């Protein structure tokens, strides 16, 4: 059970390939292992926290249009990794555990809203723009806290 963040990049209203070299450069500031057979890397943040990073094609010539993070904890180091990768990829961050029926979005500085599909704002609303990992952590904190309570309750009941 994890708190999931999905990153998507758009160009001319359609999903677009992420800049692989930029994503790799953003990850290199941390210790990484993988990928395993399912395409997951384990990334160790500067603060010692670990996060799963999922992507298909990062270690090959194949292009990829999305990647995701499976968090079990929310720390400044993990938020720095997510922020750095999203900003490097010019990708919007979808918080899949947001309250309501649809995920919420968070935009790093490099995300160009004009490149998103025309119905993007209508369906999801204008995403808040974060300019640092600390701001990203502040935006995620409430949803992560609610998710943690649910996770702990599920564990208690099993």
N, C-alpha and C. Protein backbone atom coordinates (compact mmCIF):
# COMPACT_ATOMS: atom_id res chain seq x y z
N UNK A 1 0.86 -1.17 0.00
CA UNK A 1 0.00 0.00 0.00
C UNK A 1 0.90 1.23 0.00
N UNK A 2 0.68 2.10 -0.96
CA UNK A 2 1.55 3.28 -1.07
C UNK A 2 0.75 4.52 -1.46
N UNK A 3 1.36 5.64 -1.22
CA UNK A 3 0.82 6.95 -1.61
C UNK A 3 1.44 7.24 -2.97
N UNK A 4 0.62 7.32 -4.00
CA UNK A 4 1.12 7.34 -5.38
C UNK A 4 1.04 8.71 -6.03
N UNK A 5 2.14 9.08 -6.66
CA UNK A 5 2.24 10.30 -7.45
C UNK A 5 2.63 9.91 -8.86
N UNK A 6 1.86 10.35 -9.84
CA UNK A 6 2.14 10.04 -11.25
C UNK A 6 2.54 11.33 -11.95
N UNK A 7 3.58 11.25 -12.77
CA UNK A 7 4.06 12.41 -13.52
C UNK A 7 3.74 12.21 -14.99
N UNK A 8 3.15 13.24 -15.61
CA UNK A 8 2.83 13.22 -17.04
C UNK A 8 3.34 14.49 -17.69
N UNK A 9 3.79 14.34 -18.92
CA UNK A 9 4.25 15.49 -19.70
C UNK A 9 3.36 15.61 -20.93
N UNK A 10 3.07 16.85 -21.31
CA UNK A 10 2.23 17.11 -22.48
C UNK A 10 2.95 18.02 -23.46
N UNK A 11 2.60 17.85 -24.72
CA UNK A 11 3.10 18.73 -25.78
C UNK A 11 2.00 18.83 -26.83
N UNK A 12 1.63 20.04 -27.18
CA UNK A 12 0.58 20.29 -28.18
C UNK A 12 -0.70 19.52 -27.85
N UNK A 13 -1.06 19.48 -26.57
CA UNK A 13 -2.32 18.87 -26.15
C UNK A 13 -2.31 17.36 -26.04
N UNK A 14 -1.16 16.72 -26.20
CA UNK A 14 -1.09 15.25 -26.12
C UNK A 14 0.02 14.83 -25.18
N UNK A 15 -0.11 13.58 -24.69
CA UNK A 15 0.98 13.04 -23.88
C UNK A 15 2.25 13.08 -24.71
N UNK A 16 3.36 13.41 -24.07
CA UNK A 16 4.63 13.54 -24.78
C UNK A 16 5.73 12.80 -24.02
N UNK A 17 6.74 12.41 -24.75
CA UNK A 17 7.89 11.73 -24.15
C UNK A 17 8.60 12.66 -23.18
N UNK A 18 9.07 12.08 -22.11
CA UNK A 18 9.83 12.84 -21.13
C UNK A 18 11.29 12.87 -21.56
N UNK A 19 12.00 13.94 -21.23
CA UNK A 19 13.42 14.01 -21.56
C UNK A 19 14.23 13.06 -20.66
N UNK A 20 14.56 11.91 -21.21
CA UNK A 20 15.20 10.84 -20.44
C UNK A 20 16.49 11.30 -19.76
N UNK A 21 17.34 12.01 -20.48
CA UNK A 21 18.60 12.45 -19.89
C UNK A 21 18.38 13.38 -18.70
N UNK A 22 17.38 14.24 -18.79
CA UNK A 22 17.09 15.17 -17.69
C UNK A 22 16.56 14.41 -16.47
N UNK A 23 15.72 13.41 -16.70
CA UNK A 23 15.20 12.60 -15.60
C UNK A 23 16.34 11.84 -14.93
N UNK A 24 17.20 11.22 -15.74
CA UNK A 24 18.35 10.50 -15.18
C UNK A 24 19.25 11.44 -14.38
N UNK A 25 19.49 12.63 -14.89
CA UNK A 25 20.33 13.60 -14.17
C UNK A 25 19.71 13.97 -12.83
N UNK A 26 18.39 14.13 -12.79
CA UNK A 26 17.71 14.47 -11.54
C UNK A 26 17.82 13.33 -10.53
N UNK A 27 17.80 12.10 -11.00
CA UNK A 27 17.90 10.95 -10.10
C UNK A 27 19.32 10.73 -9.59
N UNK A 28 20.32 11.15 -10.34
CA UNK A 28 21.72 10.87 -10.00
C UNK A 28 22.19 11.54 -8.71
N UNK A 29 21.43 12.49 -8.19
CA UNK A 29 21.80 13.14 -6.93
C UNK A 29 21.55 12.23 -5.74
N UNK A 30 20.99 11.05 -6.00
CA UNK A 30 20.59 10.13 -4.95
C UNK A 30 21.12 8.74 -5.26
N UNK A 31 21.09 7.87 -4.27
CA UNK A 31 21.46 6.47 -4.49
C UNK A 31 20.27 5.76 -5.12
N UNK A 32 20.51 5.01 -6.19
CA UNK A 32 19.44 4.28 -6.87
C UNK A 32 19.85 2.83 -7.06
N UNK A 33 18.88 1.95 -6.96
CA UNK A 33 19.10 0.56 -7.34
C UNK A 33 17.95 0.15 -8.24
N UNK A 34 18.22 -0.80 -9.10
CA UNK A 34 17.19 -1.27 -10.02
C UNK A 34 17.59 -1.00 -11.44
N UNK A 35 16.72 -1.23 -12.36
CA UNK A 35 15.32 -1.58 -12.14
C UNK A 35 15.14 -3.06 -11.86
N UNK A 36 14.06 -3.38 -11.17
CA UNK A 36 13.70 -4.77 -10.99
C UNK A 36 12.92 -5.23 -12.21
N UNK A 37 12.38 -6.40 -12.20
CA UNK A 37 11.66 -6.96 -13.34
C UNK A 37 10.41 -6.20 -13.72
N UNK A 38 9.90 -5.38 -12.81
CA UNK A 38 8.69 -4.61 -13.09
C UNK A 38 8.98 -3.16 -13.43
N UNK A 39 10.25 -2.81 -13.58
CA UNK A 39 10.62 -1.45 -13.95
C UNK A 39 10.77 -0.50 -12.78
N UNK A 40 10.80 -1.02 -11.55
CA UNK A 40 10.92 -0.16 -10.37
C UNK A 40 12.37 0.03 -9.95
N UNK A 41 12.68 1.27 -9.61
CA UNK A 41 13.95 1.61 -9.00
C UNK A 41 13.65 1.95 -7.54
N UNK A 42 14.60 1.71 -6.66
CA UNK A 42 14.50 2.22 -5.30
C UNK A 42 15.48 3.37 -5.21
N UNK A 43 14.97 4.53 -4.83
CA UNK A 43 15.79 5.73 -4.74
C UNK A 43 15.90 6.12 -3.26
N UNK A 44 17.13 6.29 -2.81
CA UNK A 44 17.38 6.70 -1.42
C UNK A 44 17.68 8.19 -1.42
N UNK A 45 16.85 8.94 -0.72
CA UNK A 45 16.98 10.40 -0.66
C UNK A 45 18.17 10.79 0.22
N UNK A 46 18.54 12.05 0.13
CA UNK A 46 19.65 12.58 0.94
C UNK A 46 19.38 12.43 2.44
N UNK A 47 18.09 12.41 2.84
CA UNK A 47 17.76 12.26 4.26
C UNK A 47 17.62 10.80 4.69
N UNK A 48 17.94 9.86 3.79
CA UNK A 48 17.91 8.44 4.11
C UNK A 48 16.59 7.75 3.81
N UNK A 49 15.55 8.49 3.49
CA UNK A 49 14.25 7.90 3.18
C UNK A 49 14.29 7.24 1.80
N UNK A 50 13.50 6.19 1.63
CA UNK A 50 13.47 5.46 0.36
C UNK A 50 12.11 5.63 -0.31
N UNK A 51 12.14 5.66 -1.64
CA UNK A 51 10.91 5.76 -2.42
C UNK A 51 11.07 4.88 -3.66
N UNK A 52 9.98 4.22 -4.05
CA UNK A 52 9.98 3.46 -5.31
C UNK A 52 9.69 4.41 -6.45
N UNK A 53 10.47 4.29 -7.50
CA UNK A 53 10.29 5.09 -8.71
C UNK A 53 10.00 4.11 -9.83
N UNK A 54 8.83 4.24 -10.44
CA UNK A 54 8.44 3.34 -11.51
C UNK A 54 8.45 4.01 -12.86
N UNK A 55 9.03 3.32 -13.81
CA UNK A 55 9.09 3.82 -15.18
C UNK A 55 9.43 2.64 -16.07
N UNK A 56 8.88 2.65 -17.25
CA UNK A 56 9.22 1.62 -18.22
C UNK A 56 10.00 2.30 -19.33
N UNK A 57 11.23 1.89 -19.52
CA UNK A 57 12.02 2.43 -20.61
C UNK A 57 13.16 3.34 -20.21
N UNK A 58 13.33 3.62 -18.92
CA UNK A 58 14.40 4.53 -18.51
C UNK A 58 15.78 3.93 -18.79
N UNK A 59 15.88 2.62 -18.65
CA UNK A 59 17.17 1.97 -18.82
C UNK A 59 17.37 1.39 -20.23
N UNK A 60 16.56 1.84 -21.18
CA UNK A 60 16.68 1.36 -22.56
C UNK A 60 16.56 2.55 -23.51
N UNK A 61 16.51 2.26 -24.78
CA UNK A 61 16.34 3.33 -25.77
C UNK A 61 14.88 3.74 -25.94
N UNK A 62 14.00 2.98 -25.33
CA UNK A 62 12.57 3.24 -25.42
C UNK A 62 12.22 4.59 -24.78
N UNK A 63 11.32 5.35 -25.41
CA UNK A 63 10.83 6.60 -24.81
C UNK A 63 9.76 6.27 -23.77
N UNK A 64 9.53 7.21 -22.87
CA UNK A 64 8.44 7.04 -21.90
C UNK A 64 7.73 8.36 -21.70
N UNK A 65 6.41 8.26 -21.45
CA UNK A 65 5.57 9.44 -21.30
C UNK A 65 5.13 9.67 -19.87
N UNK A 66 5.38 8.71 -19.02
CA UNK A 66 4.98 8.88 -17.62
C UNK A 66 5.92 8.10 -16.72
N UNK A 67 5.90 8.48 -15.48
CA UNK A 67 6.61 7.74 -14.45
C UNK A 67 5.85 7.98 -13.16
N UNK A 68 6.19 7.26 -12.12
CA UNK A 68 5.42 7.38 -10.90
C UNK A 68 6.30 7.10 -9.70
N UNK A 69 5.85 7.61 -8.57
CA UNK A 69 6.52 7.39 -7.30
C UNK A 69 5.52 6.72 -6.36
N UNK A 70 5.97 5.68 -5.66
CA UNK A 70 5.17 5.02 -4.64
C UNK A 70 5.81 5.34 -3.29
N UNK A 71 5.16 6.21 -2.53
CA UNK A 71 5.70 6.67 -1.26
C UNK A 71 5.10 5.90 -0.10
N UNK A 72 5.93 5.58 0.87
CA UNK A 72 5.45 5.04 2.15
C UNK A 72 5.68 6.04 3.27
N UNK A 73 6.47 7.07 2.97
CA UNK A 73 6.70 8.16 3.91
C UNK A 73 6.88 9.44 3.12
N UNK A 74 6.59 10.55 3.78
CA UNK A 74 6.73 11.86 3.15
C UNK A 74 7.81 12.62 3.92
N UNK A 75 8.95 12.82 3.28
CA UNK A 75 10.07 13.51 3.93
C UNK A 75 10.56 14.61 3.00
N UNK A 76 11.33 15.55 3.53
CA UNK A 76 11.91 16.58 2.66
C UNK A 76 12.75 15.98 1.53
N UNK A 77 13.49 14.91 1.83
CA UNK A 77 14.31 14.29 0.80
C UNK A 77 13.50 13.66 -0.31
N UNK A 78 12.43 12.97 0.04
CA UNK A 78 11.57 12.36 -0.98
C UNK A 78 10.91 13.46 -1.81
N UNK A 79 10.44 14.50 -1.15
CA UNK A 79 9.83 15.61 -1.90
C UNK A 79 10.83 16.26 -2.83
N UNK A 80 12.09 16.31 -2.43
CA UNK A 80 13.12 16.87 -3.31
C UNK A 80 13.29 16.01 -4.56
N UNK A 81 13.29 14.69 -4.40
CA UNK A 81 13.40 13.79 -5.55
C UNK A 81 12.23 13.99 -6.50
N UNK A 82 11.01 13.96 -5.96
CA UNK A 82 9.81 14.12 -6.81
C UNK A 82 9.85 15.47 -7.51
N UNK A 83 10.16 16.52 -6.77
CA UNK A 83 10.21 17.86 -7.36
C UNK A 83 11.26 17.92 -8.46
N UNK A 84 12.46 17.41 -8.19
CA UNK A 84 13.54 17.47 -9.18
C UNK A 84 13.20 16.71 -10.45
N UNK A 85 12.62 15.52 -10.31
CA UNK A 85 12.26 14.73 -11.49
C UNK A 85 11.13 15.41 -12.26
N UNK A 86 10.10 15.87 -11.57
CA UNK A 86 8.98 16.53 -12.25
C UNK A 86 9.45 17.78 -12.98
N UNK A 87 10.28 18.57 -12.34
CA UNK A 87 10.76 19.80 -12.97
C UNK A 87 11.65 19.48 -14.16
N UNK A 88 12.53 18.49 -14.01
CA UNK A 88 13.40 18.09 -15.12
C UNK A 88 12.60 17.56 -16.30
N UNK A 89 11.51 16.86 -16.00
CA UNK A 89 10.68 16.25 -17.05
C UNK A 89 9.64 17.21 -17.62
N UNK A 90 9.54 18.42 -17.05
CA UNK A 90 8.50 19.38 -17.45
C UNK A 90 7.12 18.73 -17.33
N UNK A 91 6.93 18.01 -16.23
CA UNK A 91 5.74 17.19 -16.05
C UNK A 91 4.88 17.70 -14.90
N UNK A 92 3.59 17.50 -15.02
CA UNK A 92 2.67 17.79 -13.94
C UNK A 92 2.64 16.58 -13.02
N UNK A 93 2.44 16.83 -11.73
CA UNK A 93 2.38 15.77 -10.72
C UNK A 93 0.91 15.52 -10.40
N UNK A 94 0.45 14.30 -10.61
CA UNK A 94 -0.91 13.91 -10.22
C UNK A 94 -0.84 13.23 -8.86
N UNK A 95 -1.52 13.81 -7.88
CA UNK A 95 -1.64 13.21 -6.55
C UNK A 95 -2.85 12.29 -6.61
N UNK A 96 -2.60 11.00 -6.69
CA UNK A 96 -3.67 10.03 -6.90
C UNK A 96 -4.53 9.81 -5.65
N UNK A 97 -4.09 10.25 -4.49
CA UNK A 97 -4.85 10.07 -3.25
C UNK A 97 -5.57 11.32 -2.81
N UNK A 98 -5.66 12.32 -3.66
CA UNK A 98 -6.32 13.57 -3.28
C UNK A 98 -7.78 13.31 -2.93
N UNK A 99 -8.32 14.16 -2.07
CA UNK A 99 -9.73 14.04 -1.74
C UNK A 99 -10.59 14.29 -2.97
N UNK A 100 -11.78 13.76 -2.98
CA UNK A 100 -12.65 13.93 -4.14
C UNK A 100 -12.54 12.74 -5.07
N UNK A 101 -13.23 12.84 -6.20
CA UNK A 101 -13.29 11.72 -7.12
C UNK A 101 -12.14 11.69 -8.12
N UNK A 102 -11.44 12.81 -8.29
CA UNK A 102 -10.36 12.86 -9.26
C UNK A 102 -9.06 13.23 -8.56
N UNK A 103 -7.95 12.82 -9.15
CA UNK A 103 -6.67 13.21 -8.57
C UNK A 103 -6.48 14.72 -8.66
N UNK A 104 -5.67 15.24 -7.77
CA UNK A 104 -5.33 16.66 -7.88
C UNK A 104 -3.99 16.77 -8.60
N UNK A 105 -3.70 17.94 -9.10
CA UNK A 105 -2.46 18.16 -9.84
C UNK A 105 -1.64 19.23 -9.14
N UNK A 106 -0.33 19.10 -9.34
CA UNK A 106 0.62 20.07 -8.81
C UNK A 106 1.61 20.34 -9.94
N UNK A 107 1.91 21.60 -10.18
CA UNK A 107 2.79 21.95 -11.30
C UNK A 107 4.13 22.50 -10.81
N UNK A 108 5.24 21.89 -11.26
CA UNK A 108 6.56 22.48 -10.98
C UNK A 108 6.78 23.67 -11.91
N UNK A 109 7.84 24.44 -11.70
CA UNK A 109 8.07 25.64 -12.53
C UNK A 109 8.13 25.36 -14.04
N UNK A 110 8.67 24.22 -14.43
CA UNK A 110 8.87 23.95 -15.86
C UNK A 110 7.61 23.50 -16.59
N UNK A 111 6.55 23.13 -15.85
CA UNK A 111 5.34 22.63 -16.51
C UNK A 111 4.63 23.77 -17.24
N UNK A 112 4.39 23.58 -18.53
CA UNK A 112 3.73 24.59 -19.36
C UNK A 112 2.27 24.20 -19.54
N UNK A 113 1.39 24.88 -18.83
CA UNK A 113 -0.04 24.58 -18.87
C UNK A 113 -0.60 24.70 -20.28
N UNK A 114 -0.01 25.55 -21.12
CA UNK A 114 -0.50 25.73 -22.50
C UNK A 114 -0.28 24.48 -23.35
N UNK A 115 0.58 23.59 -22.92
CA UNK A 115 0.84 22.36 -23.66
C UNK A 115 -0.15 21.24 -23.31
N UNK A 116 -0.91 21.44 -22.26
CA UNK A 116 -1.85 20.41 -21.79
C UNK A 116 -3.07 20.33 -22.70
N UNK A 117 -3.80 19.21 -22.67
CA UNK A 117 -5.02 19.09 -23.46
C UNK A 117 -6.02 20.21 -23.13
N UNK A 118 -6.85 20.55 -24.09
CA UNK A 118 -7.79 21.67 -23.95
C UNK A 118 -8.73 21.51 -22.75
N UNK A 119 -9.14 20.29 -22.45
CA UNK A 119 -10.08 20.08 -21.35
C UNK A 119 -9.38 19.87 -20.00
N UNK A 120 -8.11 20.05 -19.97
CA UNK A 120 -7.30 19.82 -18.77
C UNK A 120 -7.80 20.62 -17.57
N UNK A 121 -7.91 21.93 -17.73
CA UNK A 121 -8.35 22.80 -16.64
C UNK A 121 -9.80 22.51 -16.27
N UNK A 122 -10.63 22.29 -17.27
CA UNK A 122 -12.04 22.01 -17.01
C UNK A 122 -12.19 20.74 -16.16
N UNK A 123 -11.42 19.72 -16.46
CA UNK A 123 -11.54 18.45 -15.75
C UNK A 123 -10.85 18.43 -14.40
N UNK A 124 -9.72 19.11 -14.28
CA UNK A 124 -8.92 18.99 -13.07
C UNK A 124 -8.73 20.29 -12.30
N UNK A 125 -9.06 21.41 -12.91
CA UNK A 125 -8.79 22.70 -12.28
C UNK A 125 -7.36 23.13 -12.53
N UNK A 126 -7.09 24.39 -12.31
CA UNK A 126 -5.74 24.91 -12.52
C UNK A 126 -4.84 24.42 -11.39
N UNK A 127 -3.74 23.76 -11.73
CA UNK A 127 -2.89 23.21 -10.68
C UNK A 127 -2.11 24.29 -9.94
N UNK A 128 -1.94 24.12 -8.63
CA UNK A 128 -1.07 25.06 -7.92
C UNK A 128 0.36 24.88 -8.42
N UNK A 129 1.10 25.95 -8.50
CA UNK A 129 2.49 25.89 -8.94
C UNK A 129 3.37 25.90 -7.70
N UNK A 130 4.28 24.94 -7.62
CA UNK A 130 5.24 24.89 -6.52
C UNK A 130 6.62 25.19 -7.08
N UNK A 131 7.39 25.95 -6.33
CA UNK A 131 8.72 26.33 -6.81
C UNK A 131 9.83 25.71 -5.98
N UNK A 132 9.47 24.83 -5.07
CA UNK A 132 10.48 24.16 -4.25
C UNK A 132 9.93 22.85 -3.71
N UNK A 133 10.84 22.01 -3.25
CA UNK A 133 10.44 20.75 -2.63
C UNK A 133 9.66 21.01 -1.34
N UNK A 134 10.02 22.05 -0.62
CA UNK A 134 9.31 22.39 0.62
C UNK A 134 7.86 22.76 0.32
N UNK A 135 7.62 23.50 -0.75
CA UNK A 135 6.25 23.83 -1.13
C UNK A 135 5.49 22.57 -1.55
N UNK A 136 6.15 21.68 -2.28
CA UNK A 136 5.51 20.42 -2.67
C UNK A 136 5.11 19.63 -1.43
N UNK A 137 5.99 19.55 -0.47
CA UNK A 137 5.69 18.82 0.77
C UNK A 137 4.48 19.44 1.47
N UNK A 138 4.42 20.76 1.52
CA UNK A 138 3.29 21.44 2.17
C UNK A 138 1.98 21.13 1.46
N UNK A 139 2.01 21.07 0.13
CA UNK A 139 0.79 20.78 -0.64
C UNK A 139 0.34 19.33 -0.42
N UNK A 140 1.28 18.41 -0.28
CA UNK A 140 0.96 16.98 -0.14
C UNK A 140 0.64 16.57 1.30
N UNK A 141 1.06 17.36 2.25
CA UNK A 141 1.03 16.96 3.66
C UNK A 141 -0.34 16.50 4.15
N UNK A 142 -1.39 17.23 3.86
CA UNK A 142 -2.72 16.88 4.35
C UNK A 142 -3.20 15.55 3.76
N UNK A 143 -3.08 15.40 2.44
CA UNK A 143 -3.51 14.14 1.81
C UNK A 143 -2.67 12.97 2.29
N UNK A 144 -1.37 13.19 2.48
CA UNK A 144 -0.52 12.11 2.96
C UNK A 144 -0.90 11.71 4.39
N UNK A 145 -1.22 12.68 5.21
CA UNK A 145 -1.64 12.39 6.58
C UNK A 145 -2.92 11.55 6.60
N UNK A 146 -3.89 11.92 5.77
CA UNK A 146 -5.14 11.14 5.68
C UNK A 146 -4.86 9.73 5.18
N UNK A 147 -4.01 9.62 4.17
CA UNK A 147 -3.66 8.31 3.63
C UNK A 147 -2.96 7.47 4.70
N UNK A 148 -2.05 8.07 5.46
CA UNK A 148 -1.32 7.36 6.51
C UNK A 148 -2.27 6.80 7.56
N UNK A 149 -3.27 7.59 7.93
CA UNK A 149 -4.27 7.12 8.90
C UNK A 149 -5.02 5.92 8.35
N UNK A 150 -5.42 5.98 7.08
CA UNK A 150 -6.11 4.86 6.44
C UNK A 150 -5.21 3.63 6.39
N UNK A 151 -3.96 3.81 5.98
CA UNK A 151 -3.01 2.70 5.92
C UNK A 151 -2.85 2.06 7.29
N UNK A 152 -2.69 2.87 8.32
CA UNK A 152 -2.50 2.35 9.68
C UNK A 152 -3.73 1.59 10.15
N UNK A 153 -4.91 2.06 9.78
CA UNK A 153 -6.15 1.37 10.15
C UNK A 153 -6.24 0.02 9.44
N UNK A 154 -5.89 -0.02 8.17
CA UNK A 154 -5.91 -1.28 7.41
C UNK A 154 -4.93 -2.27 8.04
N UNK A 155 -3.76 -1.81 8.39
CA UNK A 155 -2.76 -2.68 9.01
C UNK A 155 -3.27 -3.18 10.36
N UNK A 156 -3.89 -2.31 11.12
CA UNK A 156 -4.42 -2.69 12.43
C UNK A 156 -5.49 -3.77 12.30
N UNK A 157 -6.31 -3.69 11.25
CA UNK A 157 -7.41 -4.63 11.06
C UNK A 157 -6.99 -5.96 10.46
N UNK A 158 -5.79 -6.03 9.92
CA UNK A 158 -5.37 -7.29 9.29
C UNK A 158 -4.57 -8.16 10.23
